Protein backbone atom coordinates (compact mmCIF):
# COMPACT_ATOMS: atom_id res chain seq x y z
CA MET A 1 -0.53 0.47 -25.20
CA ALA A 2 -1.57 2.40 -22.10
CA LYS A 3 1.17 4.56 -20.28
CA ARG A 4 2.09 3.35 -16.72
CA GLN A 5 0.84 5.38 -14.26
CA LYS A 6 2.57 6.16 -10.59
CA ILE A 7 -0.71 5.86 -8.04
CA LEU A 8 -0.55 6.62 -4.38
CA LEU A 9 -1.93 4.67 -1.77
CA GLY A 10 -0.92 6.80 1.37
CA ARG A 11 1.89 7.01 3.79
CA ILE A 12 3.08 4.99 6.46
CA ILE A 13 3.14 6.60 9.32
CA LYS A 14 4.12 4.28 12.10
CA ILE A 15 5.61 1.15 12.95
CA HIS A 16 2.94 -1.64 14.77
CA GLY A 17 3.94 -4.38 16.80
CA TYR A 18 7.09 -6.26 16.63
CA GLN A 19 6.67 -8.49 13.98
CA GLY A 20 7.58 -5.72 11.18
CA GLY A 21 3.90 -4.36 10.88
CA VAL A 22 3.17 -0.83 9.87
CA ILE A 23 0.26 1.55 9.61
CA LEU A 24 -0.62 2.87 6.35
CA ARG A 25 -2.49 6.48 6.29
CA THR A 26 -4.30 6.13 2.61
CA ASP A 27 -4.29 9.38 0.62
CA LYS A 28 -7.85 11.03 0.47
CA SER A 29 -7.17 11.24 -3.29
CA PHE A 30 -7.18 7.71 -3.78
CA LYS A 31 -10.50 5.58 -4.26
CA GLY A 32 -9.62 2.52 -5.52
CA PRO A 33 -9.05 -0.97 -4.38
CA ILE A 34 -5.72 -1.57 -1.85
CA PRO A 35 -4.03 -4.95 -2.70
CA GLU A 36 -4.71 -7.51 0.24
CA LYS A 37 -1.62 -9.29 -0.65
CA GLY A 38 0.87 -8.58 -3.57
CA TRP A 39 3.30 -6.18 -4.83
CA VAL A 40 3.32 -2.49 -4.12
CA PHE A 41 6.32 0.10 -3.89
CA ILE A 42 7.74 1.92 -1.03
CA GLU A 43 9.50 5.56 -1.89
CA TYR A 44 12.62 5.03 -0.52
CA GLU A 45 15.60 7.81 -0.44
CA GLY A 46 13.50 9.04 -4.13
CA LYS A 47 13.49 5.44 -5.38
CA PRO A 48 10.65 2.47 -5.95
CA VAL A 49 11.47 -0.57 -4.01
CA PRO A 50 9.01 -3.24 -4.31
CA PHE A 51 7.82 -4.66 -1.33
CA LEU A 52 5.48 -7.86 -1.25
CA ILE A 53 2.34 -7.43 0.86
CA ARG A 54 1.66 -11.00 3.40
CA GLU A 55 -1.34 -9.75 5.32
CA SER A 56 -3.50 -6.49 5.51
CA GLU A 57 -6.57 -5.75 7.74
CA GLU A 58 -8.43 -2.70 8.10
CA SER A 59 -7.38 -0.51 11.00
CA GLY A 60 -10.17 2.09 11.40
CA PRO A 61 -11.46 4.72 8.01
CA GLY A 62 -8.46 5.13 5.95
CA MET A 63 -5.83 3.05 7.96
CA LEU A 64 -4.52 -0.19 6.91
CA LYS A 65 -2.49 -2.47 9.05
CA LEU A 66 0.20 -3.90 6.84
CA TRP A 67 3.15 -6.85 6.99
CA PHE A 68 5.43 -7.40 4.02
CA ASP A 69 7.34 -10.46 3.22
CA GLY A 70 10.79 -10.98 4.75
CA TYR A 71 10.22 -8.17 7.16
CA ASP A 72 9.21 -9.40 10.43
CA THR A 73 10.90 -7.48 12.84
CA ASP A 74 10.25 -3.95 13.71
CA ASP A 75 14.00 -2.69 13.28
CA MET A 76 13.90 -4.36 9.60
CA ILE A 77 10.47 -2.43 8.54
CA LYS A 78 11.52 1.13 11.13
CA THR A 79 13.36 2.78 7.83
CA VAL A 80 10.23 3.26 5.69
CA THR A 81 8.51 5.18 8.34
CA GLY A 82 7.16 8.44 6.58
CA CYS A 83 7.36 6.91 3.16
CA SER A 84 5.12 7.06 0.50
CA MET A 85 3.68 3.52 -0.65
CA PHE A 86 2.20 3.44 -4.46
CA VAL A 87 1.47 1.02 -7.30
CA PHE A 88 2.43 0.82 -10.87
CA THR A 89 -0.41 0.40 -13.17
CA GLU A 90 -1.42 0.73 -16.92
CA ASP A 91 -4.82 0.93 -16.24
CA ASN A 92 -6.05 4.29 -15.99
CA ARG A 93 -9.35 3.63 -14.53
CA ILE A 94 -7.55 2.46 -10.98
CA GLY A 95 -7.51 5.18 -8.68
CA ILE A 96 -10.77 6.49 -9.73
CA SER A 97 -14.10 5.75 -8.09
CA GLU A 98 -16.86 4.92 -10.47
CA GLY A 99 -18.81 2.68 -8.42
CA PRO A 100 -18.38 -1.01 -7.02
CA CYS A 101 -16.14 -3.25 -8.65
CA SER A 102 -14.91 -6.89 -8.01
CA LEU A 103 -11.11 -7.66 -8.59
CA ASP A 104 -9.27 -10.73 -7.46
CA GLY A 105 -6.90 -10.06 -4.70
CA PHE A 106 -8.22 -6.97 -3.94
CA ARG A 107 -10.73 -5.49 -1.29
CA LEU A 108 -12.42 -2.46 -1.24
CA PHE A 109 -12.34 0.24 1.74
């Protein structure tokens, strides 16, 4: 059985717009795919809190715009500004760039 790993995706640097969007600056050490949709975790007050990505788009080199299911105003999402975002994985290969790959539900940046 593989050991679960916490893989840092990046840090939420600011709110985007008025519909609950955020800007994520990806961590330079992360080389794997960022989920287009699906579950991620935001470290809030030292604990992993699950968030469901409902939409994402590239915002420039190393930057992503993300919107989460159930968070549709800036007031609802502003508390996570400055927090780290990560995924848990049991596959030791995620987070290490070894060349092109194809995974359903993921987009490489």
